[in-house]
Amino acid sequence: MVISTDLSAQILRLYQAERWRPGTIARQLHVHRDTVRRVLAHAGIAPPAMVLRPSRVDPFRPFIVQTLTKFPTLTAARLFDMVHERGYRGSPDHFRHLVATMRPRPAAEAYLRLRTLAGEQAQVDWGHFGHLQIGRARRPLMAFVMVLSYSRRIFLRFFLNARMDSFLRGHVEAFTAFGGCARVLLYDNLKSAVLERLGEAVRFNPELLKFATHHLFEPRPVAVARGNEKGRVERAIRYVRESFFAAREFADLADLNAQARLWCEGPASDRRWPEDGALSVRQAFEVERASLMALPVQDYPLGERVAVQVGKTPYVRFDLNDYSVPHAHVRRTLAVLADETRVRVFDGAAEIAHHARSYDAGTQIEDAAHVDALVQHKRHARGHRGVDRVARAVPAASKLLAQAAERGENLGSITAALLRLLDRYGAAALQAAVECALAQGVPHPNAVRLALERAREEQGLPPPTALHLSEDVVRRDAPVRSHALANYDRIARVDAGEQP
């Protein structure tokens, strides 16, 4: 706390002239007693030493110090129980404060300033920057940050997840922005880089190892509880929060990334270089650029690949949404290859569908061709079922449909008309009428209908009426199995008084 010259003079006057104690001065001037002591110390005046009053814990101090030296992390509650069994009768709260003053403190560790050669090392990490609401989905906003250790040049890219495909895409875009790759990339113990660690033994993510082999860099994890080893990227993330993201307005993820790119190339590169205040980060990066490794000629294949099971509806579920596929691929296992903008569906090596990626939740993304093909397939299936029924009941109908097809007639409407006539007149009458229409050379339902009407008039029968029964009536009209008549004979003999 910085105090004015007038307040310092008043503190000195009250202490030396009026003989006020430091505590009295602090209460009356509304300042902290440490402030009063600091003013007196600067003036070369030593306040009187405080006389410690006897305490109930004094006889137990050697035991407490000895126990804490042997067990530094022992809780105050357990230590209180131990001294209470040995005769201490003070309160637990006061004892906790006393133990805090006696607990041994670890010695402060000094660190060497880590210096790296140009192009030798880069540091990588994720930063969490809240969430974005996209439709019904609440997506995490993750910042991929890579910092060149020598020049402190920052690459910043935002994603809507922290999965492996986004992690590798951030690497590729950072390498492209830098114009090269550092020889060593330093990671924290995040799952995208390190799957398992036991002491010095590290099991890297195999996808990261494959990516590192392609770009010829060495992935290296920092030691456990050694955040200072990747302090450059930690400070860079804090710098991003305070200097870029704070109070930042953006329309969507693309707009945010466009602003981040301009910020990295502008203010972040124009800041002072920590190693030499006379240079900027941009000037240091120009020196480091020549020392970066060249990028490989062939691009690394990026994208998330997952196996999906297609149910009875022609859709695959990926990242909270459903994407349509051709109906011929239902009840199968397919592969989805997705990047930031597209979702592609493969059956083996053949691509069967592709869609624009959606970051909403519970949405159906459909290709109109897939839906239309399914509708046509259903219509044809219904037509085939009708043709099969007519052909089984009326064999001559197959020949009629064949001749109608040669004349370019609509087989669907002809089949529907024949089914209606079949339900009204029966199979035998319809067979005779179809044969009559074929004999006249008119393969059309109208000719069949006229033949049926002539036959009905010749027989003097009334016009048939279609009878539509409800489902309840149909269920009640179930066949009943008759019982053996011998049972009724036995009942009759019993009623007549005879022995069965």
Protein backbone atom coordinates (compact mmCIF):
# COMPACT_ATOMS: atom_id res chain seq x y z
CA MET A 1 0.00 0.00 0.00
CA VAL A 2 1.42 3.38 -1.03
CA ILE A 3 0.67 6.15 1.48
CA SER A 4 1.07 9.91 1.17
CA THR A 5 3.91 11.93 2.66
CA ASP A 6 1.48 13.72 4.99
CA LEU A 7 0.26 10.41 6.44
CA SER A 8 3.84 9.20 6.98
CA ALA A 9 4.70 12.43 8.82
CA GLN A 10 1.59 12.10 11.00
CA ILE A 11 2.49 8.50 11.92
CA LEU A 12 6.01 9.53 12.92
CA ARG A 13 4.74 12.49 14.99
CA LEU A 14 2.18 10.42 16.88
CA TYR A 15 4.71 7.69 17.64
CA GLN A 16 7.62 9.91 18.68
CA ALA A 17 5.91 12.97 20.16
CA GLU A 18 2.68 11.57 21.53
CA ARG A 19 4.09 8.12 22.42
CA TRP A 20 1.22 6.26 20.78
CA ARG A 21 1.67 2.55 20.23
CA PRO A 22 1.60 1.25 16.63
CA GLY A 23 -1.72 -0.47 17.22
CA THR A 24 -3.32 2.75 18.48
CA ILE A 25 -1.99 4.71 15.49
CA ALA A 26 -3.37 2.07 13.08
CA ARG A 27 -6.85 2.16 14.64
CA GLN A 28 -7.09 5.95 14.79
CA LEU A 29 -5.75 6.61 11.27
CA HIS A 30 -7.62 3.65 9.74
CA VAL A 31 -4.54 1.97 8.30
CA HIS A 32 -3.07 -1.47 8.78
CA ARG A 33 -0.60 -1.94 11.62
CA ASP A 34 1.92 -3.37 9.13
CA THR A 35 1.77 -0.03 7.31
CA VAL A 36 2.65 1.75 10.54
CA ARG A 37 5.57 -0.60 11.18
CA ARG A 38 6.83 -0.13 7.62
CA VAL A 39 6.81 3.69 8.01
CA LEU A 40 8.74 3.42 11.27
CA ALA A 41 11.23 1.00 9.72
CA HIS A 42 11.88 3.35 6.80
CA ALA A 43 12.56 6.12 9.30
CA GLY A 44 15.07 3.90 11.12
CA ILE A 45 12.90 3.52 14.21
CA ALA A 46 12.54 0.04 15.63
CA PRO A 47 9.20 -0.50 17.43
CA PRO A 48 9.39 -2.18 20.82
CA ALA A 49 9.45 -5.95 20.66
CA MET A 50 6.21 -7.68 21.52
CA VAL A 51 6.29 -9.71 24.73
CA LEU A 52 4.69 -13.10 24.22
CA ARG A 53 2.43 -14.15 27.01
CA PRO A 54 2.60 -17.71 28.34
CA SER A 55 0.38 -20.10 26.42
CA ARG A 56 -1.14 -23.48 27.21
CA VAL A 57 0.57 -24.89 24.12
CA ASP A 58 4.09 -24.00 25.32
CA PRO A 59 4.78 -27.36 27.02
CA PHE A 60 3.71 -29.15 23.85
CA ARG A 61 5.71 -27.08 21.33
CA PRO A 62 8.71 -29.50 21.16
CA PHE A 63 6.37 -32.44 20.56
CA ILE A 64 4.41 -30.52 17.86
CA VAL A 65 7.55 -29.35 16.04
CA GLN A 66 9.09 -32.82 16.17
CA THR A 67 5.91 -34.44 14.84
CA LEU A 68 5.51 -31.91 12.03
CA THR A 69 9.14 -32.31 11.03
CA LYS A 70 8.60 -36.03 10.63
CA PHE A 71 5.10 -35.73 9.09
CA PRO A 72 4.85 -32.30 7.39
CA THR A 73 1.39 -32.90 5.93
CA LEU A 74 -0.27 -34.11 9.14
CA THR A 75 -3.54 -32.25 9.64
CA ALA A 76 -4.10 -29.90 12.55
CA ALA A 77 -7.20 -31.87 13.57
CA ARG A 78 -5.21 -35.10 13.98
CA LEU A 79 -2.41 -33.26 15.78
CA PHE A 80 -4.95 -31.70 18.15
CA ASP A 81 -6.25 -35.17 19.08
CA MET A 82 -2.69 -36.29 19.80
CA VAL A 83 -1.83 -33.37 22.11
CA HIS A 84 -5.28 -33.52 23.72
CA GLU A 85 -4.56 -37.11 24.76
CA ARG A 86 -1.31 -35.80 26.26
CA GLY A 87 -3.04 -33.17 28.42
CA TYR A 88 -3.62 -30.09 26.24
CA ARG A 89 -6.92 -28.38 27.09
CA GLY A 90 -7.02 -25.46 24.67
CA SER A 91 -9.68 -24.88 21.98
CA PRO A 92 -9.31 -26.56 18.56
CA ASP A 93 -9.66 -23.28 16.64
CA HIS A 94 -6.89 -21.53 18.54
CA PHE A 95 -4.72 -24.65 18.26
CA ARG A 96 -5.15 -24.62 14.47
CA HIS A 97 -3.79 -21.07 14.28
CA LEU A 98 -0.83 -21.96 16.50
CA VAL A 99 0.04 -25.03 14.37
CA ALA A 100 0.06 -22.86 11.24
CA THR A 101 2.90 -20.82 12.73
CA MET A 102 4.91 -23.92 13.67
CA ARG A 103 4.42 -25.98 10.49
CA PRO A 104 7.67 -26.22 8.49
CA ARG A 105 7.58 -24.40 5.19
CA PRO A 106 9.35 -25.77 2.10
CA ALA A 107 12.27 -23.71 1.02
CA ALA A 108 11.56 -21.51 -1.95
CA GLU A 109 12.95 -23.08 -5.12
CA ALA A 110 14.98 -20.98 -7.50
CA TYR A 111 14.70 -21.57 -11.24
CA LEU A 112 17.15 -20.91 -14.01
CA ARG A 113 15.92 -18.87 -16.93
CA LEU A 114 15.35 -21.33 -19.76
CA ARG A 115 16.90 -20.21 -23.02
CA THR A 116 16.44 -21.97 -26.33
CA LEU A 117 18.06 -21.71 -29.73
CA ALA A 118 16.20 -20.27 -32.68
CA GLY A 119 13.93 -22.88 -34.28
CA GLU A 120 14.67 -25.40 -31.55
CA GLN A 121 11.45 -25.52 -29.53
CA ALA A 122 7.76 -24.64 -29.55
CA GLN A 123 5.24 -25.06 -26.73
CA VAL A 124 1.63 -26.22 -27.24
CA ASP A 125 -1.46 -26.18 -25.02
CA TRP A 126 -5.25 -25.82 -24.96
CA GLY A 127 -7.09 -22.96 -23.26
CA HIS A 128 -10.78 -23.01 -22.30
CA PHE A 129 -12.68 -19.81 -23.13
CA GLY A 130 -16.26 -20.57 -22.09
CA HIS A 131 -19.01 -21.90 -24.36
CA LEU A 132 -20.89 -20.99 -27.55
CA GLN A 133 -24.61 -21.65 -28.00
CA ILE A 134 -25.26 -23.02 -31.49
CA GLY A 135 -28.94 -23.84 -31.91
CA ARG A 136 -29.76 -26.35 -29.18
CA ALA A 137 -26.12 -27.32 -28.64
CA ARG A 138 -23.81 -25.72 -26.06
CA ARG A 139 -20.31 -26.17 -27.46
CA PRO A 140 -17.05 -25.52 -25.54
CA LEU A 141 -14.87 -22.78 -27.00
CA MET A 142 -11.30 -24.09 -26.97
CA ALA A 143 -8.21 -22.12 -27.98
CA PHE A 144 -5.26 -23.95 -29.53
CA VAL A 145 -2.09 -21.98 -28.75
CA MET A 146 1.43 -22.64 -30.05
CA VAL A 147 4.35 -20.40 -29.09
CA LEU A 148 7.85 -20.44 -30.57
CA SER A 149 10.12 -20.49 -27.52
CA TYR A 150 12.86 -18.31 -29.02
CA SER A 151 10.92 -15.47 -30.66
CA ARG A 152 7.66 -15.80 -28.61
CA ARG A 153 5.63 -15.69 -31.84
CA ILE A 154 2.06 -16.82 -31.03
CA PHE A 155 -0.34 -18.85 -33.13
CA LEU A 156 -3.98 -18.78 -31.95
CA ARG A 157 -6.87 -20.82 -33.34
CA PHE A 158 -10.29 -21.46 -31.78
CA PHE A 159 -12.21 -24.75 -32.05
CA LEU A 160 -15.53 -26.06 -30.77
CA ASN A 161 -13.91 -29.12 -29.19
CA ALA A 162 -10.52 -30.40 -28.04
CA ARG A 163 -10.56 -33.71 -29.91
CA MET A 164 -7.58 -35.19 -31.67
CA ASP A 165 -8.55 -34.05 -35.17
CA SER A 166 -8.80 -30.42 -33.98
CA PHE A 167 -5.51 -30.79 -32.10
CA LEU A 168 -3.65 -31.93 -35.22
CA ARG A 169 -5.38 -29.34 -37.42
CA GLY A 170 -4.13 -26.64 -35.07
CA HIS A 171 -0.58 -27.96 -35.54
CA VAL A 172 -0.84 -27.91 -39.32
CA GLU A 173 -2.22 -24.38 -39.44
CA ALA A 174 0.44 -23.18 -36.98
CA PHE A 175 3.22 -24.70 -39.09
CA THR A 176 1.75 -23.03 -42.17
CA ALA A 177 1.54 -19.65 -40.40
CA PHE A 178 5.15 -19.94 -39.17
CA GLY A 179 6.44 -21.23 -42.48
CA GLY A 180 8.12 -24.21 -40.82
CA CYS A 181 8.25 -26.50 -37.80
CA ALA A 182 10.36 -26.43 -34.64
CA ARG A 183 12.53 -29.46 -33.86
CA VAL A 184 10.97 -30.11 -30.45
CA LEU A 185 7.35 -29.56 -29.43
CA LEU A 186 6.74 -29.37 -25.69
CA TYR A 187 3.41 -30.59 -24.29
CA ASP A 188 1.70 -30.68 -20.95
CA ASN A 189 0.36 -34.07 -19.87
CA LEU A 190 -2.89 -33.64 -21.83
CA LYS A 191 -4.62 -36.72 -23.26
CA SER A 192 -4.17 -35.57 -26.85
CA ALA A 193 -0.43 -36.03 -26.35
CA VAL A 194 0.20 -38.38 -23.40
CA LEU A 195 -2.07 -41.37 -22.78
CA GLU A 196 -0.23 -42.77 -19.78
CA ARG A 197 2.75 -41.87 -17.63
CA LEU A 198 4.57 -43.84 -14.95
CA GLY A 199 7.61 -42.02 -13.64
CA GLU A 200 9.88 -41.33 -16.59
CA ALA A 201 8.06 -43.85 -18.80
CA VAL A 202 5.67 -42.07 -21.17
CA ARG A 203 3.13 -43.60 -23.59
CA PHE A 204 2.33 -41.07 -26.29
CA ASN A 205 -0.89 -40.94 -28.24
CA PRO A 206 -0.17 -43.09 -31.33
CA GLU A 207 -1.92 -40.60 -33.62
CA LEU A 208 0.39 -37.84 -32.38
CA LEU A 209 3.44 -40.05 -32.91
CA LYS A 210 2.35 -40.74 -36.50
CA PHE A 211 1.84 -37.01 -37.04
CA ALA A 212 5.26 -36.21 -35.50
CA THR A 213 6.95 -38.79 -37.72
CA HIS A 214 5.40 -37.20 -40.79
CA HIS A 215 6.68 -33.71 -39.80
CA LEU A 216 10.00 -34.94 -38.28
CA PHE A 217 9.64 -33.16 -34.91
CA GLU A 218 10.16 -34.65 -31.44
CA PRO A 219 7.16 -34.61 -29.08
CA ARG A 220 8.35 -34.05 -25.53
CA PRO A 221 6.19 -33.90 -22.35
CA VAL A 222 7.09 -31.61 -19.48
CA ALA A 223 7.93 -33.14 -16.12
CA VAL A 224 5.10 -33.69 -13.67
CA ALA A 225 4.35 -30.58 -11.54
CA ARG A 226 6.87 -28.55 -13.56
CA GLY A 227 4.73 -25.87 -15.09
CA ASN A 228 7.71 -23.55 -15.37
CA GLU A 229 9.06 -25.72 -18.19
CA LYS A 230 6.24 -24.54 -20.45
CA GLY A 231 5.77 -21.12 -18.94
CA ARG A 232 5.92 -19.44 -22.35
CA VAL A 233 2.66 -20.99 -23.55
CA GLU A 234 1.04 -20.50 -20.12
CA ARG A 235 1.86 -16.80 -20.23
CA ALA A 236 0.71 -16.66 -23.86
CA ILE A 237 -2.72 -18.04 -22.92
CA ARG A 238 -2.99 -15.47 -20.13
CA TYR A 239 -1.92 -12.79 -22.63
CA VAL A 240 -4.65 -13.98 -25.04
CA ARG A 241 -7.28 -13.77 -22.28
CA GLU A 242 -6.32 -10.26 -21.20
CA SER A 243 -5.25 -8.59 -24.44
CA PHE A 244 -7.37 -10.32 -27.09
CA PHE A 245 -10.43 -12.14 -25.74
CA ALA A 246 -11.51 -9.75 -22.97
CA ALA A 247 -14.67 -7.85 -24.09
CA ARG A 248 -14.22 -9.24 -27.62
CA GLU A 249 -17.33 -9.25 -29.84
CA PHE A 250 -17.66 -11.68 -32.73
CA ALA A 251 -20.44 -13.03 -34.95
CA ASP A 252 -19.41 -16.68 -35.10
CA LEU A 253 -16.39 -18.96 -34.90
CA ALA A 254 -15.11 -17.96 -38.34
CA ASP A 255 -15.25 -14.27 -37.39
CA LEU A 256 -13.44 -14.97 -34.10
CA ASN A 257 -10.65 -16.86 -35.88
CA ALA A 258 -10.29 -14.10 -38.47
CA GLN A 259 -9.83 -11.56 -35.67
CA ALA A 260 -7.39 -13.88 -33.89
CA ARG A 261 -5.28 -14.17 -37.05
CA LEU A 262 -5.09 -10.39 -37.44
CA TRP A 263 -4.22 -10.01 -33.75
CA CYS A 264 -1.38 -12.55 -33.99
CA GLU A 265 0.04 -10.82 -37.05
CA GLY A 266 -0.45 -7.34 -35.57
CA PRO A 267 -0.38 -6.40 -31.86
CA ALA A 268 0.93 -9.75 -30.65
CA SER A 269 3.89 -9.56 -33.05
CA ASP A 270 4.61 -5.89 -32.36
CA ARG A 271 5.04 -6.34 -28.61
CA ARG A 272 8.49 -6.08 -27.02
CA TRP A 273 10.73 -9.13 -27.27
CA PRO A 274 11.50 -10.26 -23.68
CA GLU A 275 15.12 -11.15 -24.46
CA ASP A 276 15.99 -7.71 -25.86
CA GLY A 277 13.79 -4.70 -25.31
CA ALA A 278 15.20 -3.00 -28.38
CA LEU A 279 13.60 -5.63 -30.65
CA SER A 280 10.03 -6.70 -31.24
CA VAL A 281 8.68 -10.24 -31.43
CA ARG A 282 8.24 -9.73 -35.18
CA GLN A 283 11.94 -8.94 -35.63
CA ALA A 284 12.98 -11.91 -33.49
CA PHE A 285 10.68 -14.17 -35.52
CA GLU A 286 12.29 -13.06 -38.77
CA VAL A 287 15.58 -14.32 -37.35
CA GLU A 288 14.03 -17.59 -36.16
CA ARG A 289 12.11 -18.31 -39.37
CA ALA A 290 15.27 -19.34 -41.19
CA SER A 291 16.04 -21.95 -38.49
CA LEU A 292 12.68 -23.75 -38.65
CA MET A 293 12.49 -27.15 -40.36
CA ALA A 294 10.87 -27.23 -43.78
CA LEU A 295 7.38 -28.69 -44.04
CA PRO A 296 6.84 -32.03 -45.82
CA VAL A 297 5.77 -32.01 -49.46
CA GLN A 298 2.72 -34.21 -48.87
CA ASP A 299 0.00 -32.95 -46.57
CA TYR A 300 -0.95 -35.04 -43.57
CA PRO A 301 -4.49 -36.49 -43.91
CA LEU A 302 -6.63 -34.71 -41.34
CA GLY A 303 -10.11 -35.51 -40.12
CA GLU A 304 -11.92 -37.58 -37.53
CA ARG A 305 -12.72 -41.13 -38.63
CA VAL A 306 -15.28 -43.16 -36.67
CA ALA A 307 -17.30 -46.31 -37.32
CA VAL A 308 -21.08 -45.88 -37.15
CA GLN A 309 -23.95 -48.36 -37.14
CA VAL A 310 -26.91 -47.61 -39.45
CA GLY A 311 -30.26 -48.71 -38.08
CA LYS A 312 -33.50 -49.30 -39.96
CA THR A 313 -33.72 -45.64 -40.97
CA PRO A 314 -31.15 -44.37 -43.52
CA TYR A 315 -29.22 -42.04 -41.20
CA VAL A 316 -25.85 -42.12 -39.44
CA ARG A 317 -25.43 -40.44 -36.05
CA PHE A 318 -22.31 -38.28 -35.71
CA ASP A 319 -21.57 -35.55 -33.16
CA LEU A 320 -25.17 -35.19 -31.89
CA ASN A 321 -26.73 -35.00 -35.38
CA ASP A 322 -28.14 -37.40 -38.02
CA TYR A 323 -26.88 -37.42 -41.62
CA SER A 324 -28.75 -39.20 -44.42
CA VAL A 325 -27.30 -42.05 -46.50
CA PRO A 326 -28.75 -44.06 -49.45
CA HIS A 327 -31.46 -46.44 -48.25
CA ALA A 328 -29.60 -49.46 -49.65
CA HIS A 329 -27.03 -49.13 -46.80
CA VAL A 330 -29.32 -49.59 -43.80
CA ARG A 331 -28.47 -52.21 -41.16
CA ARG A 332 -24.76 -51.90 -41.91
CA THR A 333 -21.60 -50.52 -40.32
CA LEU A 334 -20.20 -47.52 -42.20
CA ALA A 335 -17.29 -45.13 -41.67
CA VAL A 336 -17.61 -41.37 -41.14
CA LEU A 337 -14.70 -39.08 -42.04
CA ALA A 338 -15.36 -35.55 -40.78
CA ASP A 339 -13.46 -32.29 -40.77
CA GLU A 340 -14.53 -28.81 -39.71
CA THR A 341 -16.83 -28.20 -42.67
CA ARG A 342 -17.79 -31.59 -44.16
CA VAL A 343 -19.05 -34.99 -43.09
CA ARG A 344 -18.33 -37.81 -45.54
CA VAL A 345 -19.74 -41.33 -45.23
CA PHE A 346 -17.91 -44.36 -46.66
CA ASP A 347 -18.88 -47.96 -47.25
CA GLY A 348 -15.46 -49.55 -47.43
CA ALA A 349 -13.43 -47.38 -49.81
CA ALA A 350 -16.48 -45.98 -51.63
CA GLU A 351 -17.91 -42.61 -50.61
CA ILE A 352 -21.70 -42.92 -50.51
CA ALA A 353 -22.71 -39.55 -49.00
CA HIS A 354 -21.34 -36.15 -48.04
CA HIS A 355 -22.93 -33.26 -46.13
CA ALA A 356 -22.05 -29.87 -44.70
CA ARG A 357 -21.21 -30.34 -41.02
CA SER A 358 -23.65 -29.06 -38.42
CA TYR A 359 -22.68 -28.04 -34.88
CA ASP A 360 -26.28 -27.97 -33.69
CA ALA A 361 -27.78 -30.87 -31.71
CA GLY A 362 -30.61 -33.24 -32.65
CA THR A 363 -30.76 -32.06 -36.28
CA GLN A 364 -31.42 -34.20 -39.37
CA ILE A 365 -29.21 -33.21 -42.28
CA GLU A 366 -30.67 -34.74 -45.44
CA ASP A 367 -29.75 -35.05 -49.09
CA ALA A 368 -32.90 -34.64 -51.18
CA ALA A 369 -31.73 -37.38 -53.54
CA HIS A 370 -31.55 -39.88 -50.66
CA VAL A 371 -35.08 -39.09 -49.52
CA ASP A 372 -36.56 -39.15 -53.05
CA ALA A 373 -34.89 -42.47 -53.80
CA LEU A 374 -36.37 -43.97 -50.63
CA VAL A 375 -39.86 -42.65 -51.50
CA GLN A 376 -39.66 -44.11 -55.03
CA HIS A 377 -38.42 -47.40 -53.63
CA LYS A 378 -41.39 -47.57 -51.26
CA ARG A 379 -43.82 -46.81 -54.09
CA HIS A 380 -42.31 -49.49 -56.31
CA ALA A 381 -42.44 -51.95 -53.42
CA ARG A 382 -46.13 -51.27 -52.94
CA GLY A 383 -46.66 -51.73 -56.69
CA HIS A 384 -44.83 -55.05 -56.71
CA ARG A 385 -46.94 -56.31 -53.81
CA GLY A 386 -50.11 -55.41 -55.71
CA VAL A 387 -48.94 -57.11 -58.92
CA ASP A 388 -48.05 -60.26 -57.00
CA ARG A 389 -51.48 -60.41 -55.39
CA VAL A 390 -53.35 -59.93 -58.68
CA ALA A 391 -51.14 -62.44 -60.49
CA ARG A 392 -51.69 -65.13 -57.86
CA ALA A 393 -55.47 -64.66 -57.78
CA VAL A 394 -55.99 -64.03 -61.53
CA PRO A 395 -53.29 -65.70 -63.71
CA ALA A 396 -54.55 -63.96 -66.86
CA ALA A 397 -53.80 -60.55 -65.28
CA SER A 398 -50.05 -61.06 -65.88
CA LYS A 399 -50.62 -61.19 -69.64
CA LEU A 400 -52.88 -58.13 -69.48
CA LEU A 401 -50.23 -56.13 -67.61
CA ALA A 402 -47.55 -57.20 -70.09
CA GLN A 403 -49.62 -56.00 -73.05
CA ALA A 404 -50.46 -52.75 -71.23
CA ALA A 405 -46.75 -52.14 -70.61
CA GLU A 406 -46.04 -52.57 -74.35
CA ARG A 407 -48.62 -49.86 -75.07
CA GLY A 408 -47.03 -47.50 -72.50
CA GLU A 409 -49.90 -47.59 -70.01
CA ASN A 410 -49.50 -46.74 -66.31
CA LEU A 411 -49.13 -50.13 -64.65
CA GLY A 412 -49.62 -48.71 -61.16
CA SER A 413 -53.12 -47.39 -61.88
CA ILE A 414 -54.05 -50.57 -63.82
CA THR A 415 -52.93 -52.75 -60.90
CA ALA A 416 -54.89 -50.64 -58.41
CA ALA A 417 -58.04 -50.88 -60.58
CA LEU A 418 -57.70 -54.68 -60.90
CA LEU A 419 -57.28 -54.97 -57.10
CA ARG A 420 -60.52 -53.05 -56.55
CA LEU A 421 -62.37 -55.29 -59.05
CA LEU A 422 -60.89 -58.37 -57.36
CA ASP A 423 -62.22 -57.29 -53.97
CA ARG A 424 -65.68 -56.55 -55.44
CA TYR A 425 -66.32 -59.43 -57.87
CA GLY A 426 -63.98 -62.22 -56.73
CA ALA A 427 -61.17 -64.11 -58.45
CA ALA A 428 -63.25 -66.41 -60.73
CA ALA A 429 -65.35 -63.61 -62.23
CA LEU A 430 -62.32 -61.39 -62.71
CA GLN A 431 -60.40 -64.21 -64.45
CA ALA A 432 -63.20 -64.62 -66.99
CA ALA A 433 -63.47 -60.87 -67.54
CA VAL A 434 -59.71 -60.47 -68.09
CA GLU A 435 -59.74 -63.31 -70.64
CA CYS A 436 -62.62 -61.57 -72.43
CA ALA A 437 -60.73 -58.25 -72.53
CA LEU A 438 -57.62 -59.98 -73.89
CA ALA A 439 -59.72 -61.74 -76.58
CA GLN A 440 -61.01 -58.32 -77.68
CA GLY A 441 -57.43 -56.97 -77.79
CA VAL A 442 -58.13 -54.27 -75.17
CA PRO A 443 -55.70 -54.75 -72.20
CA HIS A 444 -57.31 -52.07 -70.02
CA PRO A 445 -59.32 -52.15 -66.75
CA ASN A 446 -62.29 -50.46 -68.45
CA ALA A 447 -62.71 -53.42 -70.80
CA VAL A 448 -62.48 -55.78 -67.83
CA ARG A 449 -65.12 -53.75 -65.96
CA LEU A 450 -67.53 -53.85 -68.93
CA ALA A 451 -67.13 -57.61 -69.22
CA LEU A 452 -67.92 -58.02 -65.53
CA GLU A 453 -71.04 -55.83 -65.81
CA ARG A 454 -72.32 -57.81 -68.85
CA ALA A 455 -71.82 -61.10 -67.01
CA ARG A 456 -73.67 -59.76 -63.95
CA GLU A 457 -76.64 -58.55 -66.04
CA GLU A 458 -76.86 -61.87 -67.91
CA GLN A 459 -77.04 -63.71 -64.57
CA GLY A 460 -79.60 -61.23 -63.17
CA LEU A 461 -77.46 -60.43 -60.11
CA PRO A 462 -77.63 -57.12 -58.21
CA PRO A 463 -74.67 -54.73 -58.40
CA PRO A 464 -71.94 -55.70 -55.94
CA THR A 465 -71.29 -53.34 -53.04
CA ALA A 466 -67.97 -52.98 -51.30
CA LEU A 467 -68.23 -53.73 -47.60
CA HIS A 468 -65.55 -52.11 -45.42
CA LEU A 469 -65.28 -53.69 -41.98
CA SER A 470 -63.55 -52.05 -39.06
CA GLU A 471 -60.57 -53.72 -37.45
CA ASP A 472 -62.67 -54.63 -34.39
CA VAL A 473 -65.19 -56.45 -36.55
CA VAL A 474 -62.46 -58.26 -38.42
CA ARG A 475 -60.91 -59.42 -35.16
CA ARG A 476 -64.28 -60.62 -33.85
CA ASP A 477 -64.93 -62.54 -37.09
CA ALA A 478 -62.32 -65.12 -36.19
CA PRO A 479 -62.86 -68.84 -37.03
CA VAL A 480 -64.31 -70.91 -34.18
CA ARG A 481 -63.25 -74.53 -33.78
CA SER A 482 -66.26 -76.86 -33.48
CA HIS A 483 -66.45 -79.41 -30.67
CA ALA A 484 -66.92 -83.17 -31.08
CA LEU A 485 -70.63 -84.17 -31.11
CA ALA A 486 -69.93 -87.09 -28.75
CA ASN A 487 -69.59 -84.58 -25.93
CA TYR A 488 -73.16 -83.44 -26.45
CA ASP A 489 -74.37 -87.10 -26.41
CA ARG A 490 -72.78 -87.64 -23.01
CA ILE A 491 -74.45 -84.50 -21.68
CA ALA A 492 -77.84 -85.69 -22.95
CA ARG A 493 -77.49 -89.10 -21.26
CA VAL A 494 -76.56 -87.44 -17.93
CA ASP A 495 -79.65 -85.21 -18.16
CA ALA A 496 -81.77 -88.38 -18.78
CA GLY A 497 -80.42 -90.02 -15.62
CA GLU A 498 -78.19 -92.54 -17.37
CA GLN A 499 -74.62 -93.38 -16.42
CA PRO A 500 -72.10 -91.69 -18.74
